[in-house]
PDB file of N, CA and C in Angstrom:
ATOM      1  N   MET A   1     140.523  69.589 114.351  1.00  0.00           N
ATOM      2  CA  MET A   1     139.734  68.643 113.730  1.00  0.00           C
ATOM      3  C   MET A   1     139.272  68.817 112.163  1.00  0.00           C
ATOM      4  N   GLU A   2     138.640  70.163 112.200  1.00  0.00           N
ATOM      5  CA  GLU A   2     138.611  70.423 110.957  1.00  0.00           C
ATOM      6  C   GLU A   2     139.362  70.120 109.486  1.00  0.00           C
ATOM      7  N   GLU A   3     140.831  70.265 109.901  1.00  0.00           N
ATOM      8  CA  GLU A   3     142.037  69.943 108.957  1.00  0.00           C
ATOM      9  C   GLU A   3     141.898  68.603 108.832  1.00  0.00           C
ATOM     10  N   LYS A   4     141.679  67.857 109.782  1.00  0.00           N
ATOM     11  CA  LYS A   4     141.727  66.303 109.528  1.00  0.00           C
ATOM     12  C   LYS A   4     140.560  65.851 108.755  1.00  0.00           C
ATOM     13  N   LEU A   5     139.583  66.311 108.740  1.00  0.00           N
ATOM     14  CA  LEU A   5     138.182  66.342 107.971  1.00  0.00           C
ATOM     15  C   LEU A   5     138.493  66.814 106.235  1.00  0.00           C
ATOM     16  N   HIS A   6     138.959  67.633 106.329  1.00  0.00           N
ATOM     17  CA  HIS A   6     139.109  68.187 104.910  1.00  0.00           C
ATOM     18  C   HIS A   6     140.484  67.255 104.309  1.00  0.00           C
ATOM     19  N   LYS A   7     141.270  66.860 104.559  1.00  0.00           N
ATOM     20  CA  LYS A   7     142.175  65.961 104.275  1.00  0.00           C
ATOM     21  C   LYS A   7     141.391  64.599 104.054  1.00  0.00           C
ATOM     22  N   ILE A   8     140.608  64.305 104.554  1.00  0.00           N
ATOM     23  CA  ILE A   8     139.684  62.976 103.941  1.00  0.00           C
ATOM     24  C   ILE A   8     138.831  62.889 102.834  1.00  0.00           C
ATOM     25  N   SER A   9     137.897  64.172 103.297  1.00  0.00           N
ATOM     26  CA  SER A   9     136.925  64.589 102.144  1.00  0.00           C
ATOM     27  C   SER A   9     136.381  65.886 102.352  1.00  0.00           C
ATOM     28  N   PRO A  10     136.031  66.662 101.535  1.00  0.00           N
ATOM     29  CA  PRO A  10     135.153  67.567 101.498  1.00  0.00           C
ATOM     30  C   PRO A  10     133.821  67.648 101.841  1.00  0.00           C
ATOM     31  N   TYR A  11     133.370  66.308 101.413  1.00  0.00           N
ATOM     32  CA  TYR A  11     131.760  65.897 101.744  1.00  0.00           C
ATOM     33  C   TYR A  11     131.802  65.116 102.974  1.00  0.00           C
ATOM     34  N   VAL A  12     130.689  65.613 103.562  1.00  0.00           N
ATOM     35  CA  VAL A  12     129.982  65.066 104.821  1.00  0.00           C
ATOM     36  C   VAL A  12     128.408  64.050 104.482  1.00  0.00           C
ATOM     37  N   VAL A  13     128.479  62.907 104.699  1.00  0.00           N
ATOM     38  CA  VAL A  13     127.504  62.311 104.510  1.00  0.00           C
ATOM     39  C   VAL A  13     126.794  61.931 105.881  1.00  0.00           C
ATOM     40  N   ALA A  14     125.565  62.318 106.024  1.00  0.00           N
ATOM     41  CA  ALA A  14     124.608  62.298 107.210  1.00  0.00           C
ATOM     42  C   ALA A  14     123.080  62.169 106.910  1.00  0.00           C
ATOM     43  N   ASP A  15     122.349  61.582 107.947  1.00  0.00           N
ATOM     44  CA  ASP A  15     121.287  61.058 108.389  1.00  0.00           C
ATOM     45  C   ASP A  15     120.353  62.124 107.918  1.00  0.00           C
ATOM     46  N   SER A  16     119.026  62.035 107.868  1.00  0.00           N
ATOM     47  CA  SER A  16     117.940  63.169 107.589  1.00  0.00           C
ATOM     48  C   SER A  16     117.850  64.041 108.830  1.00  0.00           C
ATOM     49  N   TYR A  17     118.179  63.516 110.042  1.00  0.00           N
ATOM     50  CA  TYR A  17     118.380  64.300 111.152  1.00  0.00           C
ATOM     51  C   TYR A  17     119.033  65.503 111.165  1.00  0.00           C
ATOM     52  N   PHE A  18     120.129  65.377 110.231  1.00  0.00           N
ATOM     53  CA  PHE A  18     121.174  66.468 110.234  1.00  0.00           C
ATOM     54  C   PHE A  18     120.796  67.251 109.150  1.00  0.00           C
ATOM     55  N   SER A  19     119.845  67.232 108.345  1.00  0.00           N
ATOM     56  CA  SER A  19     119.334  67.889 107.056  1.00  0.00           C
ATOM     57  C   SER A  19     118.601  69.124 107.872  1.00  0.00           C
ATOM     58  N   LYS A  20     119.421  70.163 108.702  1.00  0.00           N
ATOM     59  CA  LYS A  20     118.495  71.259 109.238  1.00  0.00           C
ATOM     60  C   LYS A  20     119.742  72.461 108.764  1.00  0.00           C
ATOM     61  N   ILE A  21     119.238  73.489 108.992  1.00  0.00           N
ATOM     62  CA  ILE A  21     120.111  74.983 108.374  1.00  0.00           C
ATOM     63  C   ILE A  21     121.251  75.191 109.215  1.00  0.00           C
ATOM     64  N   SER A  22     121.110  74.723 110.525  1.00  0.00           N
ATOM     65  CA  SER A  22     122.218  75.206 111.608  1.00  0.00           C
ATOM     66  C   SER A  22     123.269  74.269 111.175  1.00  0.00           C
ATOM     67  N   PHE A  23     123.061  72.904 111.323  1.00  0.00           N
ATOM     68  CA  PHE A  23     124.268  72.028 110.817  1.00  0.00           C
ATOM     69  C   PHE A  23     124.888  72.343 109.284  1.00  0.00           C
ATOM     70  N   ALA A  24     123.708  72.403 108.593  1.00  0.00           N
ATOM     71  CA  ALA A  24     124.248  72.837 107.173  1.00  0.00           C
ATOM     72  C   ALA A  24     125.256  74.179 106.845  1.00  0.00           C
ATOM     73  N   THR A  25     124.607  75.344 107.847  1.00  0.00           N
ATOM     74  CA  THR A  25     125.502  76.330 107.601  1.00  0.00           C
ATOM     75  C   THR A  25     126.754  76.385 108.448  1.00  0.00           C
ATOM     76  N   GLY A  26     126.947  75.309 109.400  1.00  0.00           N
ATOM     77  CA  GLY A  26     128.200  75.157 109.876  1.00  0.00           C
ATOM     78  C   GLY A  26     129.081  74.509 109.048  1.00  0.00           C
ATOM     79  N   LEU A  27     128.810  73.833 108.504  1.00  0.00           N
ATOM     80  CA  LEU A  27     129.450  72.743 107.812  1.00  0.00           C
ATOM     81  C   LEU A  27     130.218  73.603 106.248  1.00  0.00           C
ATOM     82  N   LYS A  28     129.193  74.633 105.959  1.00  0.00           N
ATOM     83  CA  LYS A  28     129.286  75.255 104.924  1.00  0.00           C
ATOM     84  C   LYS A  28     130.544  76.350 104.992  1.00  0.00           C
ATOM     85  N   GLU A  29     130.543  76.613 106.370  1.00  0.00           N
ATOM     86  CA  GLU A  29     131.721  77.775 106.943  1.00  0.00           C
ATOM     87  C   GLU A  29     132.809  77.042 107.548  1.00  0.00           C
ATOM     88  N   MET A  30     132.659  75.992 107.404  1.00  0.00           N
ATOM     89  CA  MET A  30     133.880  75.291 107.757  1.00  0.00           C
ATOM     90  C   MET A  30     134.203  74.569 106.269  1.00  0.00           C
ATOM     91  N   GLY A  31     133.908  75.064 105.063  1.00  0.00           N
ATOM     92  CA  GLY A  31     134.003  74.556 103.756  1.00  0.00           C
ATOM     93  C   GLY A  31     134.070  73.264 103.189  1.00  0.00           C
ATOM     94  N   LEU A  32     133.039  72.554 104.226  1.00  0.00           N
ATOM     95  CA  LEU A  32     132.521  71.524 103.841  1.00  0.00           C
ATOM     96  C   LEU A  32     130.886  71.415 103.071  1.00  0.00           C
ATOM     97  N   HIS A  33     130.721  70.132 102.561  1.00  0.00           N
ATOM     98  CA  HIS A  33     129.643  69.898 101.583  1.00  0.00           C
ATOM     99  C   HIS A  33     128.590  68.837 102.319  1.00  0.00           C
ATOM    100  N   LEU A  34     127.132  69.535 102.512  1.00  0.00           N
ATOM    101  CA  LEU A  34     126.401  68.150 103.154  1.00  0.00           C
ATOM    102  C   LEU A  34     125.879  67.405 101.984  1.00  0.00           C
ATOM    103  N   ILE A  35     125.962  65.877 102.518  1.00  0.00           N
ATOM    104  CA  ILE A  35     125.134  64.963 101.556  1.00  0.00           C
ATOM    105  C   ILE A  35     124.443  64.081 102.360  1.00  0.00           C
ATOM    106  N   SER A  36     123.039  64.425 102.236  1.00  0.00           N
ATOM    107  CA  SER A  36     121.830  64.202 103.027  1.00  0.00           C
ATOM    108  C   SER A  36     120.496  63.784 102.826  1.00  0.00           C
ATOM    109  N   ARG A  37     119.882  62.814 103.635  1.00  0.00           N
ATOM    110  CA  ARG A  37     118.567  62.420 102.971  1.00  0.00           C
ATOM    111  C   ARG A  37     117.800  63.710 103.446  1.00  0.00           C
ATOM    112  N   PHE A  38     116.720  63.833 102.718  1.00  0.00           N
ATOM    113  CA  PHE A  38     115.663  64.631 103.489  1.00  0.00           C
ATOM    114  C   PHE A  38     114.980  63.806 104.204  1.00  0.00           C
ATOM    115  N   ARG A  39     113.850  64.597 105.026  1.00  0.00           N
ATOM    116  CA  ARG A  39     112.887  64.174 105.960  1.00  0.00           C
ATOM    117  C   ARG A  39     111.650  63.603 105.088  1.00  0.00           C
ATOM    118  N   ASP A  40     110.889  62.858 105.229  1.00  0.00           N
ATOM    119  CA  ASP A  40     110.027  62.732 104.498  1.00  0.00           C
ATOM    120  C   ASP A  40     108.866  63.894 104.162  1.00  0.00           C
ATOM    121  N   ASP A  41     108.800  64.858 105.373  1.00  0.00           N
ATOM    122  CA  ASP A  41     107.819  66.030 105.093  1.00  0.00           C
ATOM    123  C   ASP A  41     108.738  67.077 104.912  1.00  0.00           C
ATOM    124  N   ALA A  42     110.068  67.020 104.200  1.00  0.00           N
ATOM    125  CA  ALA A  42     110.528  68.353 103.532  1.00  0.00           C
ATOM    126  C   ALA A  42     109.886  68.919 102.622  1.00  0.00           C
ATOM    127  N   VAL A  43     109.780  70.272 102.583  1.00  0.00           N
ATOM    128  CA  VAL A  43     109.161  71.239 101.650  1.00  0.00           C
ATOM    129  C   VAL A  43     109.968  71.584 100.702  1.00  0.00           C
ATOM    130  N   LEU A  44     109.931  71.231  99.520  1.00  0.00           N
ATOM    131  CA  LEU A  44     110.854  71.348  98.258  1.00  0.00           C
ATOM    132  C   LEU A  44     110.359  71.992  97.412  1.00  0.00           C
ATOM    133  N   PHE A  45     110.775  73.215  96.368  1.00  0.00           N
ATOM    134  CA  PHE A  45     110.314  73.981  95.020  1.00  0.00           C
ATOM    135  C   PHE A  45     110.917  73.568  93.930  1.00  0.00           C
ATOM    136  N   PHE A  46     110.037  73.298  92.980  1.00  0.00           N
ATOM    137  CA  PHE A  46     110.823  73.592  91.297  1.00  0.00           C
ATOM    138  C   PHE A  46     111.142  74.865  91.346  1.00  0.00           C
ATOM    139  N   LEU A  47     112.093  75.161  90.367  1.00  0.00           N
ATOM    140  CA  LEU A  47     112.792  76.216  90.171  1.00  0.00           C
ATOM    141  C   LEU A  47     112.433  76.781  89.208  1.00  0.00           C
ATOM    142  N   THR A  48     111.548  78.139  89.047  1.00  0.00           N
ATOM    143  CA  THR A  48     110.771  78.738  87.571  1.00  0.00           C
ATOM    144  C   THR A  48     111.390  78.598  86.341  1.00  0.00           C
ATOM    145  N   LEU A  49     110.950  78.224  85.478  1.00  0.00           N
ATOM    146  CA  LEU A  49     111.025  77.845  84.184  1.00  0.00           C
ATOM    147  C   LEU A  49     110.825  79.490  83.174  1.00  0.00           C
ATOM    148  N   GLU A  50     109.816  80.321  83.676  1.00  0.00           N
ATOM    149  CA  GLU A  50     109.516  81.694  83.162  1.00  0.00           C
ATOM    150  C   GLU A  50     110.721  82.459  83.311  1.00  0.00           C
ATOM    151  N   LYS A  51     110.759  83.067  82.250  1.00  0.00           N
ATOM    152  CA  LYS A  51     111.784  84.043  81.984  1.00  0.00           C
ATOM    153  C   LYS A  51     111.373  85.478  82.777  1.00  0.00           C
ATOM    154  N   PRO A  52     112.076  86.360  83.003  1.00  0.00           N
ATOM    155  CA  PRO A  52     111.450  87.752  83.832  1.00  0.00           C
ATOM    156  C   PRO A  52     110.658  88.369  82.838  1.00  0.00           C
ATOM    157  N   THR A  53     109.486  88.915  83.482  1.00  0.00           N
ATOM    158  CA  THR A  53     108.654  89.528  82.369  1.00  0.00           C
ATOM    159  C   THR A  53     108.993  91.021  82.027  1.00  0.00           C
ATOM    160  N   GLY A  54     109.721  91.433  82.687  1.00  0.00           N
ATOM    161  CA  GLY A  54     109.938  93.414  82.483  1.00  0.00           C
ATOM    162  C   GLY A  54     109.250  94.084  83.381  1.00  0.00           C
ATOM    163  N   LYS A  55     108.198  93.305  83.899  1.00  0.00           N
ATOM    164  CA  LYS A  55     107.232  94.482  84.810  1.00  0.00           C
ATOM    165  C   LYS A  55     107.860  94.743  86.127  1.00  0.00           C
ATOM    166  N   ARG A  56     107.360  95.431  86.724  1.00  0.00           N
ATOM    167  CA  ARG A  56     107.764  95.814  88.003  1.00  0.00           C
ATOM    168  C   ARG A  56     107.368  94.627  89.191  1.00  0.00           C
ATOM    169  N   GLY A  57     108.530  94.604  90.199  1.00  0.00           N
ATOM    170  CA  GLY A  57     108.478  93.602  91.180  1.00  0.00           C
ATOM    171  C   GLY A  57     108.979  92.692  91.034  1.00  0.00           C
ATOM    172  N   ARG A  58     109.489  91.784  91.862  1.00  0.00           N
ATOM    173  CA  ARG A  58     110.646  90.805  91.923  1.00  0.00           C
ATOM    174  C   ARG A  58     109.992  89.606  90.936  1.00  0.00           C
ATOM    175  N   PRO A  59     111.122  89.108  90.128  1.00  0.00           N
ATOM    176  CA  PRO A  59     110.404  88.074  89.151  1.00  0.00           C
ATOM    177  C   PRO A  59     109.992  86.666  90.308  1.00  0.00           C
ATOM    178  N   LYS A  60     109.481  85.762  89.759  1.00  0.00           N
ATOM    179  CA  LYS A  60     109.154  84.657  90.245  1.00  0.00           C
ATOM    180  C   LYS A  60     110.190  83.630  90.502  1.00  0.00           C
ATOM    181  N   LEU A  61     110.718  83.151  91.392  1.00  0.00           N
ATOM    182  CA  LEU A  61     111.807  82.313  91.505  1.00  0.00           C
ATOM    183  C   LEU A  61     111.420  80.908  91.743  1.00  0.00           C
ATOM    184  N   TYR A  62     110.206  80.500  92.184  1.00  0.00           N
ATOM    185  CA  TYR A  62     109.887  78.981  92.217  1.00  0.00           C
ATOM    186  C   TYR A  62     108.700  78.894  91.742  1.00  0.00           C
ATOM    187  N   ASP A  63     108.480  77.515  91.163  1.00  0.00           N
ATOM    188  CA  ASP A  63     107.037  77.445  90.271  1.00  0.00           C
ATOM    189  C   ASP A  63     106.590  76.297  90.925  1.00  0.00           C
ATOM    190  N   GLY A  64     106.281  76.062  91.890  1.00  0.00           N
ATOM    191  CA  GLY A  64     105.512  75.126  92.490  1.00  0.00           C
ATOM    192  C   GLY A  64     106.161  73.984  93.422  1.00  0.00           C
ATOM    193  N   LYS A  65     105.506  73.257  94.609  1.00  0.00           N
ATOM    194  CA  LYS A  65     106.154  72.437  95.389  1.00  0.00           C
ATOM    195  C   LYS A  65     106.361  71.348  94.390  1.00  0.00           C
ATOM    196  N   ILE A  66     107.117  70.212  95.234  1.00  0.00           N
ATOM    197  CA  ILE A  66     107.594  69.160  94.632  1.00  0.00           C
ATOM    198  C   ILE A  66     106.753  67.987  95.539  1.00  0.00           C
ATOM    199  N   ASP A  67     105.880  67.092  94.486  1.00  0.00           N
ATOM    200  CA  ASP A  67     105.359  65.891  95.475  1.00  0.00           C
ATOM    201  C   ASP A  67     106.459  64.846  94.693  1.00  0.00           C
ATOM    202  N   MET A  68     107.012  64.378  96.008  1.00  0.00           N
ATOM    203  CA  MET A  68     107.775  63.161  95.778  1.00  0.00           C
ATOM    204  C   MET A  68     107.035  62.136  95.009  1.00  0.00           C
ATOM    205  N   ALA A  69     105.809  61.721  95.703  1.00  0.00           N
ATOM    206  CA  ALA A  69     105.054  60.708  95.485  1.00  0.00           C
ATOM    207  C   ALA A  69     104.579  60.589  93.737  1.00  0.00           C
ATOM    208  N   ASN A  70     104.362  61.785  93.019  1.00  0.00           N
ATOM    209  CA  ASN A  70     104.027  62.040  91.851  1.00  0.00           C
ATOM    210  C   ASN A  70     105.128  62.860  91.300  1.00  0.00           C
ATOM    211  N   LEU A  71     106.434  62.441  90.786  1.00  0.00           N
ATOM    212  CA  LEU A  71     107.101  63.675  90.605  1.00  0.00           C
ATOM    213  C   LEU A  71     106.965  64.043  89.139  1.00  0.00           C
ATOM    214  N   ASP A  72     106.935  65.377  88.807  1.00  0.00           N
ATOM    215  CA  ASP A  72     106.881  65.851  87.597  1.00  0.00           C
ATOM    216  C   ASP A  72     108.235  65.117  86.703  1.00  0.00           C
ATOM    217  N   LYS A  73     108.377  64.101  86.025  1.00  0.00           N
ATOM    218  CA  LYS A  73     109.410  63.618  85.526  1.00  0.00           C
ATOM    219  C   LYS A  73     109.933  64.616  84.221  1.00  0.00           C
ATOM    220  N   SER A  74     109.355  65.406  83.989  1.00  0.00           N
ATOM    221  CA  SER A  74     109.500  66.127  82.575  1.00  0.00           C
ATOM    222  C   SER A  74     110.425  67.129  83.385  1.00  0.00           C
ATOM    223  N   ARG A  75     110.608  67.545  84.374  1.00  0.00           N
ATOM    224  CA  ARG A  75     111.220  68.552  85.095  1.00  0.00           C
ATOM    225  C   ARG A  75     112.551  67.950  85.737  1.00  0.00           C
ATOM    226  N   ALA A  76     112.865  66.620  85.366  1.00  0.00           N
ATOM    227  CA  ALA A  76     113.920  66.218  85.940  1.00  0.00           C
ATOM    228  C   ALA A  76     114.891  65.045  85.266  1.00  0.00           C
ATOM    229  N   GLU A  77     116.257  64.934  85.423  1.00  0.00           N
ATOM    230  CA  GLU A  77     116.658  64.066  84.524  1.00  0.00           C
ATOM    231  C   GLU A  77     116.929  62.694  84.873  1.00  0.00           C
ATOM    232  N   LYS A  78     116.491  61.684  84.098  1.00  0.00           N
ATOM    233  CA  LYS A  78     116.890  60.326  84.834  1.00  0.00           C
ATOM    234  C   LYS A  78     118.158  59.805  84.528  1.00  0.00           C
ATOM    235  N   ILE A  79     118.775  59.078  85.380  1.00  0.00           N
ATOM    236  CA  ILE A  79     119.918  58.211  85.236  1.00  0.00           C
ATOM    237  C   ILE A  79     119.437  56.776  85.636  1.00  0.00           C
ATOM    238  N   ASP A  80     120.233  56.200  84.327  1.00  0.00           N
ATOM    239  CA  ASP A  80     119.967  54.627  84.573  1.00  0.00           C
ATOM    240  C   ASP A  80     120.524  53.908  85.280  1.00  0.00           C
ATOM    241  N   ILE A  81     119.850  53.089  86.232  1.00  0.00           N
ATOM    242  CA  ILE A  81     120.525  52.030  87.266  1.00  0.00           C
ATOM    243  C   ILE A  81     119.565  50.975  87.000  1.00  0.00           C
ATOM    244  N   ASP A  82     120.449  49.923  87.464  1.00  0.00           N
ATOM    245  CA  ASP A  82     119.648  48.521  87.526  1.00  0.00           C
ATOM    246  C   ASP A  82     118.582  48.263  88.252  1.00  0.00           C
ATOM    247  N   ASN A  83     118.430  48.691  89.811  1.00  0.00           N
ATOM    248  CA  ASN A  83     117.189  48.065  90.542  1.00  0.00           C
ATOM    249  C   ASN A  83     116.158  49.110  90.830  1.00  0.00           C
ATOM    250  N   GLY A  84     115.890  49.957  89.771  1.00  0.00           N
ATOM    251  CA  GLY A  84     115.041  51.291  90.315  1.00  0.00           C
ATOM    252  C   GLY A  84     115.498  52.415  89.365  1.00  0.00           C
ATOM    253  N   GLU A  85     114.444  53.675  89.301  1.00  0.00           N
ATOM    254  CA  GLU A  85     114.727  55.004  88.735  1.00  0.00           C
ATOM    255  C   GLU A  85     115.122  55.819  89.755  1.00  0.00           C
ATOM    256  N   LEU A  86     116.540  56.652  88.958  1.00  0.00           N
ATOM    257  CA  LEU A  86     117.011  57.820  89.867  1.00  0.00           C
ATOM    258  C   LEU A  86     116.729  58.973  88.763  1.00  0.00           C
ATOM    259  N   TYR A  87     116.153  59.924  89.695  1.00  0.00           N
ATOM    260  CA  TYR A  87     116.179  61.195  88.957  1.00  0.00           C
ATOM    261  C   TYR A  87     116.743  62.719  89.827  1.00  0.00           C
ATOM    262  N   THR A  88     117.522  63.398  88.823  1.00  0.00           N
ATOM    263  CA  THR A  88     117.899  64.731  89.460  1.00  0.00           C
ATOM    264  C   THR A  88     117.372  65.745  89.281  1.00  0.00           C
ATOM    265  N   LEU A  89     117.480  66.628  90.172  1.00  0.00           N
ATOM    266  CA  LEU A  89     116.982  68.039  89.373  1.00  0.00           C
ATOM    267  C   LEU A  89     117.254  69.196  90.702  1.00  0.00           C
ATOM    268  N   ALA A  90     117.640  70.440  90.413  1.00  0.00           N
ATOM    269  CA  ALA A  90     118.159  71.257  91.126  1.00  0.00           C
ATOM    270  C   ALA A  90     116.570  71.885  91.741  1.00  0.00           C
ATOM    271  N   ALA A  91     116.847  72.309  92.897  1.00  0.00           N
ATOM    272  CA  ALA A  91     115.307  72.444  93.572  1.00  0.00           C
ATOM    273  C   ALA A  91     115.960  73.647  94.554  1.00  0.00           C
ATOM    274  N   TYR A  92     114.862  74.429  95.410  1.00  0.00           N
ATOM    275  CA  TYR A  92     114.912  75.177  96.549  1.00  0.00           C
ATOM    276  C   TYR A  92     114.701  74.538  97.918  1.00  0.00           C
ATOM    277  N   SER A  93     115.300  74.564  98.773  1.00  0.00           N
ATOM    278  CA  SER A  93     114.838  73.679 100.202  1.00  0.00           C
ATOM    279  C   SER A  93     114.320  74.747 101.016  1.00  0.00           C
ATOM    280  N   LYS A  94     113.168  74.758 101.563  1.00  0.00           N
ATOM    281  CA  LYS A  94     112.764  75.565 102.397  1.00  0.00           C
ATOM    282  C   LYS A  94     113.190  75.488 103.476  1.00  0.00           C
ATOM    283  N   SER A  95     113.682  74.432 104.419  1.00  0.00           N
ATOM    284  CA  SER A  95     114.355  74.198 105.702  1.00  0.00           C
ATOM    285  C   SER A  95     115.819  74.652 105.510  1.00  0.00           C
ATOM    286  N   LEU A  96     116.564  74.434 104.364  1.00  0.00           N
ATOM    287  CA  LEU A  96     117.830  74.674 104.407  1.00  0.00           C
ATOM    288  C   LEU A  96     118.168  76.308 103.760  1.00  0.00           C
ATOM    289  N   LYS A  97     117.218  76.981 103.437  1.00  0.00           N
ATOM    290  CA  LYS A  97     116.766  78.034 102.818  1.00  0.00           C
ATOM    291  C   LYS A  97     117.861  78.089 101.664  1.00  0.00           C
ATOM    292  N   GLN A  98     118.141  77.140 100.736  1.00  0.00           N
ATOM    293  CA  GLN A  98     119.109  77.412  99.800  1.00  0.00           C
ATOM    294  C   GLN A  98     118.875  76.362  98.656  1.00  0.00           C
ATOM    295  N   MET A  99     119.450  76.447  97.368  1.00  0.00           N
ATOM    296  CA  MET A  99     119.291  75.767  96.007  1.00  0.00           C
ATOM    297  C   MET A  99     119.842  74.591  96.830  1.00  0.00           C
ATOM    298  N   VAL A 100     119.366  73.239  96.226  1.00  0.00           N
ATOM    299  CA  VAL A 100     119.983  71.933  96.472  1.00  0.00           C
ATOM    300  C   VAL A 100     120.184  71.451  95.238  1.00  0.00           C
ATOM    301  N   ARG A 101     120.963  70.348  94.867  1.00  0.00           N
ATOM    302  CA  ARG A 101     120.623  68.820  94.036  1.00  0.00           C
ATOM    303  C   ARG A 101     120.020  68.005  94.573  1.00  0.00           C
ATOM    304  N   LEU A 102     118.727  67.465  94.075  1.00  0.00           N
ATOM    305  CA  LEU A 102     118.320  66.485  94.476  1.00  0.00           C
ATOM    306  C   LEU A 102     118.570  65.257  93.824  1.00  0.00           C
ATOM    307  N   ALA A 103     118.592  64.093  94.421  1.00  0.00           N
ATOM    308  CA  ALA A 103     118.765  62.903  93.832  1.00  0.00           C
ATOM    309  C   ALA A 103     117.294  61.994  94.561  1.00  0.00           C
ATOM    310  N   ILE A 104     116.586  61.610  93.723  1.00  0.00           N
ATOM    311  CA  ILE A 104     115.255  61.152  94.188  1.00  0.00           C
ATOM    312  C   ILE A 104     115.367  59.504  93.423  1.00  0.00           C
ATOM    313  N   TRP A 105     115.087  58.493  94.088  1.00  0.00           N
ATOM    314  CA  TRP A 105     115.619  57.177  93.905  1.00  0.00           C
ATOM    315  C   TRP A 105     114.133  56.398  94.134  1.00  0.00           C
ATOM    316  N   TYR A 106     113.610  55.618  92.958  1.00  0.00           N
ATOM    317  CA  TYR A 106     112.465  54.858  93.401  1.00  0.00           C
ATOM    318  C   TYR A 106     112.783  53.289  92.961  1.00  0.00           C
ATOM    319  N   SER A 107     112.736  52.368  94.404  1.00  0.00           N
ATOM    320  CA  SER A 107     112.990  51.168  93.765  1.00  0.00           C
ATOM    321  C   SER A 107     111.862  50.588  92.605  1.00  0.00           C
ATOM    322  N   LYS A 108     112.341  49.523  92.059  1.00  0.00           N
ATOM    323  CA  LYS A 108     111.465  48.777  91.096  1.00  0.00           C
ATOM    324  C   LYS A 108     110.288  48.165  91.706  1.00  0.00           C
ATOM    325  N   ASP A 109     110.242  47.979  92.689  1.00  0.00           N
ATOM    326  CA  ASP A 109     109.135  47.179  93.780  1.00  0.00           C
ATOM    327  C   ASP A 109     108.181  48.427  93.728  1.00  0.00           C
ATOM    328  N   GLY A 110     108.459  49.571  93.953  1.00  0.00           N
ATOM    329  CA  GLY A 110     107.736  50.510  94.366  1.00  0.00           C
ATOM    330  C   GLY A 110     107.652  50.839  95.841  1.00  0.00           C
ATOM    331  N   LYS A 111     108.249  49.879  96.542  1.00  0.00           N
ATOM    332  CA  LYS A 111     108.183  50.226  98.153  1.00  0.00           C
ATOM    333  C   LYS A 111     109.058  51.404  98.530  1.00  0.00           C
ATOM    334  N   ASN A 112     110.152  52.009  98.080  1.00  0.00           N
ATOM    335  CA  ASN A 112     111.129  52.434  98.551  1.00  0.00           C
ATOM    336  C   ASN A 112     111.104  53.635  97.699  1.00  0.00           C
ATOM    337  N   LEU A 113     111.395  55.038  98.504  1.00  0.00           N
ATOM    338  CA  LEU A 113     111.066  56.577  97.907  1.00  0.00           C
ATOM    339  C   LEU A 113     112.236  57.267  98.544  1.00  0.00           C
ATOM    340  N   ASN A 114     113.534  57.517  98.357  1.00  0.00           N
ATOM    341  CA  ASN A 114     114.280  58.206  98.887  1.00  0.00           C
ATOM    342  C   ASN A 114     114.723  59.387  98.174  1.00  0.00           C
ATOM    343  N   CYS A 115     114.904  60.481  98.867  1.00  0.00           N
ATOM    344  CA  CYS A 115     115.188  61.789  98.610  1.00  0.00           C
ATOM    345  C   CYS A 115     116.393  62.148  99.099  1.00  0.00           C
ATOM    346  N   PHE A 116     117.444  62.418  98.186  1.00  0.00           N
ATOM    347  CA  PHE A 116     119.144  63.046  99.072  1.00  0.00           C
ATOM    348  C   PHE A 116     118.965  64.469  98.407  1.00  0.00           C
ATOM    349  N   SER A 117     119.615  65.384  99.610  1.00  0.00           N
ATOM    350  CA  SER A 117     120.482  66.592  98.933  1.00  0.00           C
ATOM    351  C   SER A 117     121.779  66.478  98.496  1.00  0.00           C
ATOM    352  N   LEU A 118     122.032  67.001  97.598  1.00  0.00           N
ATOM    353  CA  LEU A 118     123.754  66.825  97.166  1.00  0.00           C
ATOM    354  C   LEU A 118     124.060  68.165  97.047  1.00  0.00           C
ATOM    355  N   PRO A 119     125.651  68.526  97.245  1.00  0.00           N
ATOM    356  CA  PRO A 119     126.076  69.785  96.634  1.00  0.00           C
ATOM    357  C   PRO A 119     125.720  70.391  95.697  1.00  0.00           C
ATOM    358  N   THR A 120     125.044  71.530  95.527  1.00  0.00           N
ATOM    359  CA  THR A 120     124.501  72.131  94.272  1.00  0.00           C
ATOM    360  C   THR A 120     125.656  72.263  93.022  1.00  0.00           C
ATOM    361  N   HIS A 121     127.011  72.296  93.254  1.00  0.00           N
ATOM    362  CA  HIS A 121     127.886  72.061  92.193  1.00  0.00           C
ATOM    363  C   HIS A 121     128.105  70.512  91.595  1.00  0.00           C
ATOM    364  N   ILE A 122     127.288  69.694  92.092  1.00  0.00           N
ATOM    365  CA  ILE A 122     127.377  68.222  91.717  1.00  0.00           C
ATOM    366  C   ILE A 122     126.597  67.997  90.589  1.00  0.00           C
TER     367      ILE A 122
END
């Protein structure tokens, strides 16, 4: 089964139900990449922009929680599309315990907000 999946595509697209660490880890072990919508209550953090201070202790890794309704657009790259606004940025997912590439889409009418996790190398 695994060989057949690799022949088709190295990417698996799944619903938000599957954006869990057990599913993502299993796919990663099989050499597949997960593209999934995050749940509405997903906890995501900005990566820090600060340089290490040189002081004792672990350097700061994350720079605050991402609020999807009020996204800090200065920290994301905008991609032009016709029917809304699309932003992308690297972030840390608390539920997946790994870095992810986010694609956040806002519709023109303001009714739809979707956040997708992409493989980090995209």
